Amino acid sequence: MTTIREEMWKTKGILFNFAITDLKIRYRNSILGVLWSLVEPLLLLGVLFVVFSTMFRFEIPNFPIYLLLGIICWNFFKNGTTFALNSLTNRSALITQIYFPRAIPGLSAGITASIMIIFELVVLGIFMIAFGFSPPSTVILLIPILALQLLLILGVSLPLSVLNVKYKDTEFIWSVVVHAGFFLTPIFYQFDMMPDYVQNVLQYSPMVQIVTMAHHVVLYGTLPSINSVLYAVGSISAITVIGYLIFRKFQAKVVEEM
């Protein structure tokens, strides 16, 4: 892990340049540009709100805010990891001509997603004002929770970036994982609404832990349990270490595979 921190510090100029470039490319030739970072979660919120407030009624207090917060947390994970998938292949010409740490494109994907979530959190704040919701003091804990989620994103992004160079099926498999994960994470329902046998399995998902903790500190003013925090930190740290080891194993062959 020290190696990653050193590489990020030494090449921070390239890192942030890649992140900003990715953001510009994503919204190039679009009318709304970066405003799509605001519109996209709102459109999804609108669809899900109509479905789950009319067809499937969930008695969840402050449901619009609950739903939007869940969407924002999931988009953070989805965007960061999805951007990372093609971060190396999209820069194949540059990689084969100039040397820079192979971790930079994957890591910059996490920064791009971080910039996007800032816009989305502004929308969340506007929603709170519109619905007359005054968040509890524990809302400040959303910052370390999202920082922990960023670590998870980086831990997943690094292996995805190199595996997609070597195995093209990675992109399609990850697309299925992301779509399935959305419905298996308590974004539009509460975790305790699921059957016990399902809870016993999904409680080990880091994203379930992240989203649940976010809902608790923002909406209910309750602190996550010590066990939840320890498990989230431990599991995400393990994922990051394993992801880095996978990345190290394949990074040397990146140029050969391109």
Protein backbone atom coordinates (compact mmCIF):
# COMPACT_ATOMS: atom_id res chain seq x y z
CA MET A 1 0.00 0.00 0.00
CA THR A 2 2.93 2.35 0.62
CA THR A 3 3.83 2.01 -3.04
CA ILE A 4 0.39 3.30 -4.10
CA ARG A 5 0.61 6.31 -1.79
CA GLU A 6 4.09 7.16 -3.05
CA GLU A 7 2.99 6.84 -6.69
CA MET A 8 -0.07 9.00 -6.09
CA TRP A 9 2.00 11.72 -4.42
CA LYS A 10 4.81 11.75 -7.00
CA THR A 11 2.44 11.79 -9.94
CA LYS A 12 -0.47 13.72 -8.41
CA GLY A 13 -0.41 16.16 -11.34
CA ILE A 14 -1.02 13.35 -13.86
CA LEU A 15 -3.55 11.74 -11.51
CA PHE A 16 -5.79 14.79 -11.27
CA ASN A 17 -5.27 15.66 -14.94
CA PHE A 18 -6.57 12.22 -15.91
CA ALA A 19 -9.52 12.61 -13.54
CA ILE A 20 -10.57 15.98 -14.98
CA THR A 21 -10.01 14.76 -18.55
CA ASP A 22 -12.24 11.73 -17.92
CA LEU A 23 -14.96 14.01 -16.61
CA LYS A 24 -14.75 16.27 -19.68
CA ILE A 25 -14.75 13.32 -22.10
CA ARG A 26 -17.77 11.77 -20.37
CA TYR A 27 -19.91 14.85 -21.00
CA ARG A 28 -18.33 16.00 -24.27
CA ASN A 29 -20.86 17.14 -26.90
CA SER A 30 -23.75 16.88 -24.41
CA ILE A 31 -26.03 19.88 -23.94
CA LEU A 32 -26.17 19.73 -20.15
CA GLY A 33 -22.54 18.74 -19.72
CA VAL A 34 -21.54 18.11 -16.12
CA LEU A 35 -25.11 18.88 -15.02
CA TRP A 36 -25.89 15.29 -16.00
CA SER A 37 -24.23 14.43 -12.67
CA LEU A 38 -27.28 16.08 -11.11
CA VAL A 39 -29.93 15.02 -13.60
CA GLU A 40 -29.07 11.32 -13.77
CA PRO A 41 -29.71 10.46 -10.09
CA LEU A 42 -32.83 12.66 -10.11
CA LEU A 43 -34.29 10.79 -13.09
CA LEU A 44 -33.63 7.44 -11.40
CA LEU A 45 -35.08 8.83 -8.18
CA GLY A 46 -38.25 9.88 -10.01
CA VAL A 47 -38.79 6.47 -11.57
CA LEU A 48 -38.10 4.50 -8.39
CA PHE A 49 -40.14 6.89 -6.25
CA VAL A 50 -43.21 6.47 -8.47
CA VAL A 51 -42.84 2.69 -8.55
CA PHE A 52 -42.21 2.17 -4.84
CA SER A 53 -44.65 4.79 -3.54
CA THR A 54 -47.59 3.67 -5.69
CA MET A 55 -47.18 0.07 -6.87
CA PHE A 56 -45.10 -1.19 -3.93
CA ARG A 57 -45.72 0.84 -0.80
CA PHE A 58 -42.78 0.90 1.60
CA GLU A 59 -43.46 2.66 4.89
CA ILE A 60 -40.06 4.31 5.19
CA PRO A 61 -39.85 7.72 6.89
CA ASN A 62 -38.55 10.47 4.59
CA PHE A 63 -38.60 8.01 1.72
CA PRO A 64 -37.52 10.48 -1.05
CA ILE A 65 -34.38 11.42 0.91
CA TYR A 66 -33.76 7.79 1.89
CA LEU A 67 -34.02 6.77 -1.74
CA LEU A 68 -31.87 9.59 -3.11
CA LEU A 69 -29.11 8.96 -0.56
CA GLY A 70 -29.05 5.28 -1.50
CA ILE A 71 -28.86 6.13 -5.20
CA ILE A 72 -26.00 8.58 -4.59
CA CYS A 73 -23.99 6.02 -2.61
CA TRP A 74 -24.54 3.36 -5.25
CA ASN A 75 -23.71 5.73 -8.13
CA PHE A 76 -20.45 6.56 -6.40
CA PHE A 77 -19.47 2.89 -6.42
CA LYS A 78 -20.86 2.19 -9.91
CA ASN A 79 -19.22 5.20 -11.55
CA GLY A 80 -15.81 4.72 -9.93
CA THR A 81 -15.52 1.04 -10.81
CA THR A 82 -17.09 1.36 -14.26
CA PHE A 83 -14.79 4.23 -15.23
CA ALA A 84 -11.83 2.14 -14.08
CA LEU A 85 -12.76 -0.79 -16.31
CA ASN A 86 -11.57 0.85 -19.52
CA SER A 87 -9.17 3.34 -17.94
CA LEU A 88 -6.11 1.49 -19.26
CA THR A 89 -7.47 0.41 -22.63
CA ASN A 90 -8.70 3.96 -23.35
CA ARG A 91 -5.13 5.18 -22.86
CA SER A 92 -3.39 2.36 -24.68
CA ALA A 93 -1.60 4.71 -27.10
CA LEU A 94 -0.26 6.81 -24.24
CA ILE A 95 0.76 3.80 -22.13
CA THR A 96 2.75 2.21 -24.95
CA GLN A 97 4.71 5.41 -25.58
CA ILE A 98 5.20 7.04 -22.18
CA TYR A 99 5.92 5.52 -18.80
CA PHE A 100 3.83 6.43 -15.80
CA PRO A 101 2.61 4.24 -12.94
CA ARG A 102 -0.02 1.84 -14.29
CA ALA A 103 -2.15 2.48 -11.20
CA ILE A 104 -2.80 6.09 -12.18
CA PRO A 105 -5.71 5.53 -14.65
CA GLY A 106 -7.56 3.23 -12.23
CA LEU A 107 -7.01 5.58 -9.30
CA SER A 108 -8.08 8.62 -11.32
CA ALA A 109 -11.42 6.90 -11.94
CA GLY A 110 -12.07 7.07 -8.20
CA ILE A 111 -11.27 10.78 -8.18
CA THR A 112 -13.61 11.39 -11.13
CA ALA A 113 -16.40 9.62 -9.26
CA SER A 114 -15.58 11.69 -6.16
CA ILE A 115 -16.01 14.93 -8.12
CA MET A 116 -19.36 13.72 -9.40
CA ILE A 117 -20.65 12.77 -5.96
CA ILE A 118 -19.97 16.31 -4.71
CA PHE A 119 -22.55 17.60 -7.19
CA GLU A 120 -24.98 14.86 -6.16
CA LEU A 121 -24.60 15.70 -2.47
CA VAL A 122 -25.56 19.29 -3.31
CA VAL A 123 -28.79 17.92 -4.78
CA LEU A 124 -29.31 15.90 -1.59
CA GLY A 125 -28.97 19.06 0.47
CA ILE A 126 -31.53 20.85 -1.73
CA PHE A 127 -33.92 17.92 -1.28
CA MET A 128 -33.57 18.13 2.48
CA ILE A 129 -34.46 21.82 2.39
CA ALA A 130 -37.38 21.23 0.01
CA PHE A 131 -38.85 18.51 2.23
CA GLY A 132 -38.20 20.46 5.41
CA PHE A 133 -35.87 17.79 6.74
CA SER A 134 -33.28 18.87 9.29
CA PRO A 135 -30.47 16.28 9.42
CA PRO A 136 -29.12 15.20 12.81
CA SER A 137 -25.63 16.10 13.97
CA THR A 138 -24.47 12.60 13.02
CA VAL A 139 -24.73 13.66 9.34
CA ILE A 140 -21.08 14.76 9.61
CA LEU A 141 -20.16 11.08 9.80
CA LEU A 142 -21.23 10.71 6.17
CA ILE A 143 -17.81 12.11 5.22
CA PRO A 144 -15.72 9.26 6.74
CA ILE A 145 -18.28 6.74 5.47
CA LEU A 146 -17.84 8.01 1.91
CA ALA A 147 -14.05 8.08 2.42
CA LEU A 148 -14.25 4.41 3.39
CA GLN A 149 -16.34 3.78 0.29
CA LEU A 150 -13.70 5.51 -1.83
CA LEU A 151 -11.13 3.07 -0.45
CA LEU A 152 -13.43 0.23 -1.52
CA ILE A 153 -13.77 1.76 -4.99
CA LEU A 154 -9.99 2.04 -5.37
CA GLY A 155 -9.53 -1.53 -4.12
CA VAL A 156 -11.95 -2.80 -6.78
CA SER A 157 -10.84 -0.41 -9.54
CA LEU A 158 -7.17 -1.45 -9.60
CA PRO A 159 -7.74 -5.14 -10.40
CA LEU A 160 -10.62 -4.32 -12.76
CA SER A 161 -8.40 -2.00 -14.81
CA VAL A 162 -5.74 -4.64 -15.46
CA LEU A 163 -8.06 -7.65 -15.69
CA ASN A 164 -10.07 -5.94 -18.41
CA VAL A 165 -6.91 -5.54 -20.47
CA LYS A 166 -6.15 -9.25 -20.26
CA TYR A 167 -9.69 -10.68 -20.13
CA LYS A 168 -12.26 -8.79 -22.21
CA ASP A 169 -15.10 -10.68 -20.49
CA THR A 170 -14.41 -8.63 -17.36
CA GLU A 171 -16.47 -5.71 -18.65
CA PHE A 172 -19.57 -7.83 -19.27
CA ILE A 173 -19.28 -9.74 -16.01
CA TRP A 174 -18.89 -6.53 -14.01
CA SER A 175 -21.94 -5.01 -15.71
CA VAL A 176 -24.04 -7.93 -14.44
CA VAL A 177 -22.51 -7.62 -10.96
CA VAL A 178 -23.31 -3.89 -10.79
CA HIS A 179 -26.91 -4.35 -11.89
CA ALA A 180 -27.49 -7.22 -9.48
CA GLY A 181 -25.80 -5.34 -6.65
CA PHE A 182 -28.19 -2.41 -7.04
CA PHE A 183 -31.19 -4.59 -6.19
CA LEU A 184 -29.36 -6.53 -3.46
CA THR A 185 -28.41 -3.35 -1.60
CA PRO A 186 -30.94 -1.53 0.65
CA ILE A 187 -31.37 1.50 -1.60
CA PHE A 188 -35.15 1.56 -2.01
CA TYR A 189 -36.01 -0.76 0.90
CA GLN A 190 -34.76 -1.27 4.44
CA PHE A 191 -32.42 -4.15 5.13
CA ASP A 192 -34.63 -5.68 7.82
CA MET A 193 -37.48 -6.01 5.28
CA MET A 194 -35.64 -8.92 3.69
CA PRO A 195 -36.03 -12.53 4.89
CA ASP A 196 -33.61 -13.56 7.62
CA TYR A 197 -31.78 -16.05 5.41
CA VAL A 198 -31.15 -13.33 2.82
CA GLN A 199 -29.97 -10.90 5.50
CA ASN A 200 -27.54 -13.52 6.81
CA VAL A 201 -25.83 -13.56 3.42
CA LEU A 202 -26.04 -9.92 2.33
CA GLN A 203 -24.86 -8.54 5.66
CA TYR A 204 -21.33 -9.42 4.54
CA SER A 205 -21.53 -7.11 1.52
CA PRO A 206 -19.38 -4.00 2.09
CA MET A 207 -21.83 -1.90 0.06
CA VAL A 208 -24.72 -3.06 2.25
CA GLN A 209 -22.72 -1.90 5.26
CA ILE A 210 -21.86 1.44 3.63
CA VAL A 211 -25.41 2.27 2.51
CA THR A 212 -26.93 1.17 5.82
CA MET A 213 -24.48 3.29 7.82
CA ALA A 214 -25.14 6.27 5.54
CA HIS A 215 -28.90 5.99 6.07
CA HIS A 216 -28.48 5.72 9.84
CA VAL A 217 -26.25 8.76 10.30
CA VAL A 218 -28.09 11.01 7.83
CA LEU A 219 -31.72 10.13 8.53
CA TYR A 220 -31.99 8.55 11.96
CA GLY A 221 -29.21 10.14 13.98
CA THR A 222 -27.94 6.75 15.11
CA LEU A 223 -24.32 5.70 15.24
CA PRO A 224 -23.25 2.51 13.46
CA SER A 225 -22.51 -0.36 15.82
CA ILE A 226 -18.89 -1.08 16.65
CA ASN A 227 -19.22 -4.49 15.00
CA SER A 228 -20.52 -2.91 11.77
CA VAL A 229 -17.70 -0.38 11.68
CA LEU A 230 -15.03 -2.97 12.42
CA TYR A 231 -16.39 -5.35 9.80
CA ALA A 232 -16.69 -2.61 7.16
CA VAL A 233 -13.16 -1.34 7.79
CA GLY A 234 -11.71 -4.85 7.96
CA SER A 235 -13.46 -6.22 4.87
CA ILE A 236 -12.78 -3.13 2.75
CA SER A 237 -9.12 -3.10 3.82
CA ALA A 238 -8.85 -6.78 2.85
CA ILE A 239 -10.48 -6.12 -0.53
CA THR A 240 -8.07 -3.24 -1.15
CA VAL A 241 -5.01 -5.34 -0.30
CA ILE A 242 -6.18 -8.26 -2.44
CA GLY A 243 -7.06 -5.90 -5.29
CA TYR A 244 -3.61 -4.34 -5.13
CA LEU A 245 -1.93 -7.76 -5.18
CA ILE A 246 -3.94 -8.74 -8.25
CA PHE A 247 -2.99 -5.45 -9.86
CA ARG A 248 0.71 -5.99 -9.13
CA LYS A 249 0.58 -9.45 -10.65
CA PHE A 250 -0.80 -8.27 -13.99
CA GLN A 251 0.45 -4.68 -14.33
CA ALA A 252 3.80 -5.66 -15.87
CA LYS A 253 2.01 -7.34 -18.79
CA VAL A 254 -0.32 -4.42 -19.53
CA VAL A 255 1.77 -3.08 -22.44
CA GLU A 256 2.22 -6.58 -23.88
CA GLU A 257 -1.53 -7.19 -23.93
CA MET A 258 -2.31 -3.91 -25.72
